[in-house]
Amino acid sequence: MNTVPARPAAPREHPRVRGLLWLVGRQHRAALCAGLVLVGAVAAYILWMRADMVGYLRAHGIEGCAQRRAGCGPHSEAYAHVNRAYRDPLLNTGRLILALPALAGVFLGAPLFARELESGTYRLMWSQSVGRVRWAVAKLALPAAAVLAGTTLLSALYTWWWRAARLAMPDVTWGTAVPFDTTGPAQVALAALLFFLGAAIGLLLPRTLPAMAATLAAGAGAQYGLDTLRPRLMPRATVVSDATGDFGRVPDEVFHTSWRGGPQGQLTPSGAKIPLERCLSAEGGSGTETCFARLGATRRAYEELHPAGHYWPLQWIQAGICLSAAAALAAFCVWWVRRRPAVKETA
């Protein structure tokens, strides 16, 4: 009786990811890995610092004491320690997170196409069966997803830390770049905008280093423009003093939780506003008072501010502006690649 020897089992092959996304990941693995390490380190630092701060606040019973009309009372030294120990780490971490979208635009977005166009390797891809549009979408999709995932995580963690810290640090105004641009959807949308801005600049300036420099300058301009535009995205609320100029009737939490720094001045008997800056040219306090008197102002003062209820609407309005611009830039990148004339190989 003949027997057939059993064949050895073939080793199981692990499925491997291949294709455009795999290629894009290989091309940018150094930058993606560096970004992953950076995001992980910042996230761990936020978790550690928040836990330490909240533990101190609870141990000394000073959670939200700055918002109470009675103040911090006997806990004033503990309250001062919180500001000394955690204020600078909070703000410096916010500044680092604010720089991450710019870094994503410079080191991921700008070289994305510029390096391909500079070296000429795009010709090989365009000569294959892969279409230009598919190539452009794959080049944009993976880095964009990585940037959005990282910024979403850090934005959520920093928002969590800041919401716990703001009750003990009322002078950290929520409308400034830190923490506004580092919390909520505004941070994620800003990262998307600067990434696609870098990609578009890399197509228009097909040299890697010039594209990176131009992206850095354009990103700084975009952030400055957002800071300038933000106070005008929603009408400010106006608070008015009593007849003696005292704002004592205004609840403390209005000033403590609002984004101040808007126009202020005095009112006429009819309620018209006379801005303070109109009389600042007069030298000395008496000169300013004389100016207001000459313009017919009463002693009733006013101040325009954004109350705490404007925080989330402003976040979504700014995020919508950034995402709309990012979508337009992404569409431009795909259109540009599709319309770019083919370059003939030289002998």
Protein backbone atom coordinates (compact mmCIF):
# COMPACT_ATOMS: atom_id res chain seq x y z
CA MET A 1 0.00 0.00 0.00
CA ASN A 2 1.52 3.22 -1.15
CA THR A 3 1.36 6.22 1.09
CA VAL A 4 1.69 9.80 -0.01
CA PRO A 5 3.91 11.82 2.29
CA ALA A 6 2.12 14.75 3.81
CA ARG A 7 3.26 18.11 2.57
CA PRO A 8 4.57 20.50 5.16
CA ALA A 9 2.15 23.27 5.92
CA ALA A 10 2.99 26.44 4.08
CA PRO A 11 3.89 29.29 6.36
CA ARG A 12 1.02 31.68 6.85
CA GLU A 13 1.63 34.88 5.00
CA HIS A 14 0.73 38.05 6.84
CA PRO A 15 -1.26 40.44 4.72
CA ARG A 16 0.71 43.47 3.75
CA VAL A 17 -0.68 46.85 2.96
CA ARG A 18 0.33 47.98 -0.48
CA GLY A 19 -0.68 50.77 -2.76
CA LEU A 20 -0.58 54.51 -2.71
CA LEU A 21 -1.36 54.94 0.99
CA TRP A 22 1.43 52.53 1.88
CA LEU A 23 3.81 54.43 -0.37
CA VAL A 24 2.83 57.80 1.14
CA GLY A 25 3.33 56.37 4.62
CA ARG A 26 6.79 55.12 3.68
CA GLN A 27 7.73 58.47 2.18
CA HIS A 28 6.72 60.44 5.26
CA ARG A 29 7.29 57.90 8.00
CA ALA A 30 10.06 59.96 9.64
CA ALA A 31 7.84 63.03 10.01
CA LEU A 32 4.82 60.95 11.05
CA CYS A 33 6.81 59.06 13.68
CA ALA A 34 8.31 62.28 15.04
CA GLY A 35 4.83 63.78 15.23
CA LEU A 36 3.51 60.71 17.04
CA VAL A 37 6.28 60.92 19.64
CA LEU A 38 5.70 64.65 20.13
CA VAL A 39 1.93 64.27 20.50
CA GLY A 40 2.38 61.41 22.96
CA ALA A 41 4.84 63.38 25.08
CA VAL A 42 2.66 66.50 25.20
CA ALA A 43 -0.45 64.44 25.99
CA ALA A 44 1.32 62.67 28.87
CA TYR A 45 2.55 66.02 30.22
CA ILE A 46 -0.95 67.51 30.14
CA LEU A 47 -2.42 64.52 31.97
CA TRP A 48 0.27 64.68 34.65
CA MET A 49 0.07 68.45 35.18
CA ARG A 50 -3.72 68.52 35.29
CA ALA A 51 -3.89 65.70 37.82
CA ASP A 52 -1.31 67.44 40.00
CA MET A 53 -3.10 70.81 39.79
CA VAL A 54 -6.59 69.45 40.47
CA GLY A 55 -5.25 67.45 43.40
CA TYR A 56 -3.73 70.59 44.93
CA LEU A 57 -6.93 72.61 44.40
CA ARG A 58 -9.05 69.96 46.09
CA ALA A 59 -6.61 69.41 48.93
CA HIS A 60 -6.69 73.12 49.84
CA GLY A 61 -10.36 73.76 49.06
CA ILE A 62 -9.75 76.60 46.59
CA GLU A 63 -11.61 75.34 43.52
CA GLY A 64 -13.25 78.41 42.01
CA CYS A 65 -12.49 80.70 44.94
CA ALA A 66 -11.45 83.50 42.56
CA GLN A 67 -15.04 83.66 41.26
CA ARG A 68 -16.66 83.94 44.68
CA ARG A 69 -17.52 87.40 45.88
CA ALA A 70 -15.79 86.69 49.21
CA GLY A 71 -12.55 85.82 47.38
CA CYS A 72 -10.04 83.24 48.53
CA GLY A 73 -9.81 84.53 52.12
CA PRO A 74 -7.53 82.39 54.29
CA HIS A 75 -6.50 80.36 51.26
CA SER A 76 -4.80 83.30 49.56
CA GLU A 77 -1.33 81.77 49.90
CA ALA A 78 -2.48 78.48 48.39
CA TYR A 79 -4.21 80.41 45.61
CA ALA A 80 -1.01 82.35 44.89
CA HIS A 81 0.92 79.05 44.79
CA VAL A 82 -1.44 77.71 42.12
CA ASN A 83 -0.73 80.72 39.92
CA ARG A 84 3.02 80.46 40.53
CA ALA A 85 3.24 76.73 39.94
CA TYR A 86 0.75 76.10 37.13
CA ARG A 87 0.17 79.33 35.22
CA ASP A 88 3.41 79.27 33.22
CA PRO A 89 3.19 75.53 32.40
CA LEU A 90 -0.40 76.02 31.24
CA LEU A 91 0.43 78.95 28.96
CA ASN A 92 3.70 77.51 27.67
CA THR A 93 2.03 74.21 26.81
CA GLY A 94 -0.65 76.16 24.98
CA ARG A 95 2.00 78.03 22.98
CA LEU A 96 3.60 74.71 22.03
CA ILE A 97 0.26 73.29 20.90
CA LEU A 98 -0.40 76.49 18.97
CA ALA A 99 2.87 75.97 17.08
CA LEU A 100 1.99 72.41 16.05
CA PRO A 101 -0.35 73.37 13.15
CA ALA A 102 2.38 75.61 11.75
CA LEU A 103 4.92 72.79 12.09
CA ALA A 104 2.53 70.42 10.32
CA GLY A 105 2.19 72.87 7.46
CA VAL A 106 5.95 73.45 7.19
CA PHE A 107 7.28 69.89 7.62
CA LEU A 108 4.37 67.83 6.21
CA GLY A 109 2.30 70.07 3.97
CA ALA A 110 4.97 72.06 2.11
CA PRO A 111 7.27 69.12 1.15
CA LEU A 112 4.29 66.92 0.22
CA PHE A 113 4.28 67.94 -3.46
CA ALA A 114 7.31 70.25 -3.60
CA ARG A 115 9.76 67.40 -3.03
CA GLU A 116 8.11 65.29 -5.74
CA LEU A 117 8.14 68.15 -8.24
CA GLU A 118 11.70 69.15 -7.37
CA SER A 119 13.12 65.65 -7.76
CA GLY A 120 10.92 64.72 -10.73
CA THR A 121 9.69 61.47 -9.13
CA TYR A 122 6.10 62.45 -9.87
CA ARG A 123 6.71 61.48 -13.52
CA LEU A 124 7.12 57.83 -12.55
CA MET A 125 3.78 57.80 -10.73
CA TRP A 126 1.99 59.60 -13.54
CA SER A 127 3.33 57.12 -16.07
CA GLN A 128 1.76 54.21 -14.17
CA SER A 129 -1.86 53.15 -14.16
CA VAL A 130 -2.51 55.36 -11.15
CA GLY A 131 -4.38 58.48 -12.18
CA ARG A 132 -3.30 61.96 -11.19
CA VAL A 133 -6.37 62.67 -9.09
CA ARG A 134 -6.02 59.42 -7.18
CA TRP A 135 -2.33 60.16 -6.61
CA ALA A 136 -3.08 63.66 -5.30
CA VAL A 137 -5.87 62.46 -3.01
CA ALA A 138 -3.68 59.71 -1.56
CA LYS A 139 -0.82 62.16 -1.02
CA LEU A 140 -3.14 64.46 0.92
CA ALA A 141 -5.30 61.93 2.79
CA LEU A 142 -2.85 60.09 5.04
CA PRO A 143 -0.84 63.09 6.36
CA ALA A 144 -4.04 65.11 6.78
CA ALA A 145 -5.66 62.31 8.79
CA ALA A 146 -2.56 62.05 11.00
CA VAL A 147 -2.49 65.82 11.59
CA LEU A 148 -6.19 65.99 12.42
CA ALA A 149 -6.01 62.99 14.77
CA GLY A 150 -3.06 64.40 16.69
CA THR A 151 -4.47 67.91 17.02
CA THR A 152 -7.89 66.57 18.03
CA LEU A 153 -6.34 64.59 20.87
CA LEU A 154 -4.22 67.49 22.13
CA SER A 155 -7.06 69.98 21.76
CA ALA A 156 -9.39 67.79 23.81
CA LEU A 157 -6.80 67.26 26.55
CA TYR A 158 -5.78 70.92 26.70
CA THR A 159 -9.43 72.03 26.82
CA TRP A 160 -9.93 69.64 29.74
CA TRP A 161 -6.92 71.12 31.55
CA TRP A 162 -7.83 74.73 30.82
CA ARG A 163 -11.45 74.35 32.01
CA ALA A 164 -10.13 73.17 35.35
CA ALA A 165 -7.48 75.90 35.53
CA ARG A 166 -9.55 78.91 34.49
CA LEU A 167 -11.52 78.89 37.76
CA ALA A 168 -8.28 79.49 39.63
CA MET A 169 -6.74 81.80 37.02
CA PRO A 170 -9.43 84.29 35.98
CA ASP A 171 -6.88 86.62 34.40
CA VAL A 172 -6.11 84.04 31.68
CA THR A 173 -8.48 85.56 29.12
CA TRP A 174 -10.16 82.92 26.98
CA GLY A 175 -10.31 85.04 23.81
CA THR A 176 -6.57 85.39 23.24
CA ALA A 177 -4.62 83.05 20.96
CA VAL A 178 -3.73 80.96 24.01
CA PRO A 179 -6.02 79.35 25.01
CA PHE A 180 -8.61 80.06 22.27
CA ASP A 181 -6.64 78.67 19.30
CA THR A 182 -5.49 75.65 21.32
CA THR A 183 -8.89 74.51 22.58
CA GLY A 184 -12.04 73.22 20.95
CA PRO A 185 -12.60 72.80 17.21
CA ALA A 186 -10.63 75.98 16.43
CA GLN A 187 -7.34 74.12 16.99
CA VAL A 188 -8.28 71.22 14.72
CA ALA A 189 -9.57 73.49 11.96
CA LEU A 190 -6.44 75.65 12.14
CA ALA A 191 -4.26 72.56 11.73
CA ALA A 192 -6.24 71.52 8.63
CA LEU A 193 -5.94 75.02 7.17
CA LEU A 194 -2.17 75.30 7.63
CA PHE A 195 -1.53 71.77 6.36
CA PHE A 196 -3.44 72.33 3.10
CA LEU A 197 -1.95 75.81 2.84
CA GLY A 198 1.51 74.24 2.89
CA ALA A 199 0.49 71.65 0.30
CA ALA A 200 -0.84 74.36 -2.04
CA ILE A 201 2.29 76.46 -1.64
CA GLY A 202 4.39 73.39 -2.39
CA LEU A 203 2.61 73.05 -5.73
CA LEU A 204 3.10 76.69 -6.62
CA LEU A 205 6.73 76.77 -5.43
CA PRO A 206 8.16 73.41 -6.52
CA ARG A 207 11.28 73.78 -4.37
CA THR A 208 11.22 72.24 -0.93
CA LEU A 209 13.06 74.84 1.16
CA PRO A 210 11.41 77.92 -0.42
CA ALA A 211 8.02 76.25 -0.04
CA MET A 212 8.68 75.56 3.65
CA ALA A 213 9.80 79.16 4.26
CA ALA A 214 6.78 80.55 2.42
CA THR A 215 4.45 78.26 4.37
CA LEU A 216 5.91 79.46 7.66
CA ALA A 217 5.34 83.10 6.67
CA ALA A 218 1.85 82.45 5.31
CA GLY A 219 0.88 80.44 8.41
CA ALA A 220 2.00 83.25 10.71
CA GLY A 221 -0.04 85.69 8.62
CA ALA A 222 -3.10 83.43 8.78
CA GLN A 223 -2.89 83.16 12.57
CA TYR A 224 -2.44 86.91 12.92
CA GLY A 225 -5.43 87.48 10.67
CA LEU A 226 -7.59 85.14 12.77
CA ASP A 227 -6.56 86.94 15.97
CA THR A 228 -7.53 90.26 14.39
CA LEU A 229 -10.81 88.97 12.98
CA ARG A 230 -11.98 87.02 16.05
CA PRO A 231 -13.38 89.93 18.12
CA ARG A 232 -15.53 90.95 15.14
CA LEU A 233 -17.10 87.56 14.48
CA MET A 234 -19.91 88.27 16.92
CA PRO A 235 -21.37 91.54 18.27
CA ARG A 236 -20.06 92.37 21.73
CA ALA A 237 -22.33 92.75 24.72
CA THR A 238 -22.35 96.13 26.50
CA VAL A 239 -22.32 96.54 30.29
CA VAL A 240 -23.21 99.93 31.78
CA SER A 241 -22.31 101.42 35.16
CA ASP A 242 -24.56 103.35 37.49
CA ALA A 243 -24.78 107.15 37.49
CA THR A 244 -21.51 107.46 39.45
CA GLY A 245 -19.47 105.29 37.09
CA ASP A 246 -19.45 102.27 39.42
CA PHE A 247 -19.88 98.80 37.89
CA GLY A 248 -20.76 97.30 41.29
CA ARG A 249 -24.19 96.25 40.10
CA VAL A 250 -22.70 94.08 37.39
CA PRO A 251 -22.28 90.51 38.72
CA ASP A 252 -18.69 89.53 39.41
CA GLU A 253 -18.89 86.47 37.18
CA VAL A 254 -19.63 88.68 34.16
CA PHE A 255 -16.21 90.30 34.38
CA HIS A 256 -14.42 87.18 35.62
CA THR A 257 -15.61 84.94 32.79
CA SER A 258 -15.77 87.45 29.93
CA TRP A 259 -13.30 88.28 27.23
CA ARG A 260 -12.66 91.95 27.87
CA GLY A 261 -10.53 94.49 26.06
CA GLY A 262 -13.22 95.92 23.81
CA PRO A 263 -14.21 99.57 23.41
CA GLN A 264 -15.04 101.47 26.59
CA GLY A 265 -15.91 105.04 27.46
CA GLN A 266 -18.77 107.15 28.76
CA LEU A 267 -22.39 107.74 27.76
CA THR A 268 -24.24 110.92 26.88
CA PRO A 269 -27.68 111.65 28.42
CA SER A 270 -29.27 110.17 25.27
CA GLY A 271 -27.23 106.95 25.62
CA ALA A 272 -24.76 107.65 22.80
CA LYS A 273 -21.29 106.19 23.31
CA ILE A 274 -18.16 108.34 23.51
CA PRO A 275 -15.13 106.02 23.22
CA LEU A 276 -12.31 106.52 25.70
CA GLU A 277 -9.72 106.57 22.91
CA ARG A 278 -11.35 109.71 21.54
CA CYS A 279 -10.25 111.59 24.64
CA LEU A 280 -6.95 109.84 25.30
CA SER A 281 -5.10 112.48 23.33
CA ALA A 282 -5.78 114.92 26.18
CA GLU A 283 -2.84 114.91 28.60
CA GLY A 284 -3.49 113.85 32.16
CA GLY A 285 -6.66 112.69 33.87
CA SER A 286 -8.11 116.17 34.11
CA GLY A 287 -7.64 116.61 30.37
CA THR A 288 -9.58 113.41 29.69
CA GLU A 289 -12.40 114.46 32.01
CA THR A 290 -12.51 117.88 30.37
CA CYS A 291 -12.75 116.21 26.97
CA PHE A 292 -15.69 114.04 28.07
CA ALA A 293 -17.42 117.07 29.61
CA ARG A 294 -16.94 119.08 26.43
CA LEU A 295 -18.52 116.26 24.42
CA GLY A 296 -21.52 116.18 26.76
CA ALA A 297 -20.80 112.87 28.49
CA THR A 298 -22.28 111.89 31.83
CA ARG A 299 -20.42 109.91 34.51
CA ARG A 300 -22.09 106.69 33.37
CA ALA A 301 -19.45 104.42 31.85
CA TYR A 302 -19.78 101.50 29.49
CA GLU A 303 -17.62 98.59 28.36
CA GLU A 304 -18.08 96.22 25.44
CA LEU A 305 -17.06 92.59 25.98
CA HIS A 306 -17.67 89.04 24.88
CA PRO A 307 -19.43 87.10 27.68
CA ALA A 308 -18.56 83.50 28.42
CA GLY A 309 -21.57 82.39 26.36
CA HIS A 310 -19.78 83.58 23.20
CA TYR A 311 -16.94 81.09 23.60
CA TRP A 312 -18.45 78.12 21.77
CA PRO A 313 -20.19 80.14 19.02
CA LEU A 314 -16.90 81.90 18.30
CA GLN A 315 -15.11 78.56 18.30
CA TRP A 316 -17.46 77.10 15.68
CA ILE A 317 -17.53 80.26 13.56
CA GLN A 318 -13.73 80.40 13.40
CA ALA A 319 -13.53 76.66 12.81
CA GLY A 320 -16.02 76.99 9.95
CA ILE A 321 -13.92 79.72 8.33
CA CYS A 322 -10.73 77.65 8.62
CA LEU A 323 -12.36 74.43 7.37
CA SER A 324 -13.92 76.22 4.40
CA ALA A 325 -10.54 77.66 3.44
CA ALA A 326 -8.90 74.25 3.97
CA ALA A 327 -11.48 72.54 1.72
CA ALA A 328 -10.90 75.17 -0.96
CA LEU A 329 -7.12 74.64 -0.77
CA ALA A 330 -7.51 70.86 -0.95
CA ALA A 331 -9.73 71.23 -4.03
CA PHE A 332 -7.16 73.57 -5.56
CA CYS A 333 -4.40 71.00 -5.01
CA VAL A 334 -6.37 68.27 -6.77
CA TRP A 335 -7.36 70.62 -9.60
CA TRP A 336 -3.79 71.83 -10.06
CA VAL A 337 -2.39 68.29 -10.26
CA ARG A 338 -5.11 67.30 -12.70
CA ARG A 339 -4.54 70.32 -14.94
CA ARG A 340 -0.74 70.42 -14.78
CA PRO A 341 0.69 69.76 -18.26
CA ALA A 342 2.78 66.63 -18.60
CA VAL A 343 6.52 67.23 -18.72
CA LYS A 344 8.31 65.34 -21.44
CA GLU A 345 11.35 63.40 -20.47
CA THR A 346 14.55 64.94 -21.75
CA ALA A 347 17.13 62.77 -23.42
